[in-house]
């Protein structure tokens, strides 16, 4: 339900954020926390990892070089007072091993997280926080689960209302951010086996106010 826009007091905003956190859990999040945007670690080196070690670089409109640079992300975050960090846990066998890679199983988890974050963004919008913005985990997979972007040649996104860039694409060091908050983190790579994983999943961020 849409509400008449008006400035809200700090206590009311905090109550809304807690309601959004509870909604995240209802939508399937395994962990959610209200944080200060200053706690989100932005590191220029993350961008270079995108440039030199990701096959989506310059191949998706939701990835670098089409997304804001780290310095722009820092300016953006400085204009928000609150953020909601959300993790959606997945099965280790869907994130590691040959079958997971060949079948793009993790892509389904990424899509679930994207839909969850969009619902939270929409909920915040209709609560009166019309400048709420969400970021997802991993490259956009709306067009194809392997991350192929159908709008890249024309430079026009096919799904402008549903697509969102990843936290990493803006230079966010997700692992450092989670570690600073005391969340369990683990690096998962191509050689990681499912039995080596304690906890895995995608993480999203909702900026509010």
Foldseek 3Di string as FASTA:
>chain_A
DADDADDDDPVVVVVVVVVLQVVLVVLAFPDKDKDFLVLFDFDQVLQVCCVPPNPCELQACLAPPNDAELVVVVVVSVVFGMKMKTWHWDALQCQADDVNVVVLSQLVQQVSQLVSQLVSQVVLCRVNQVPKDKATFDADAPVHSVRGFPCSVVSDHPCVSRDHHHPSRHRTPVQSSCVVVVHDDDDDDHPDDSVVDDIDTMMMMMTTD
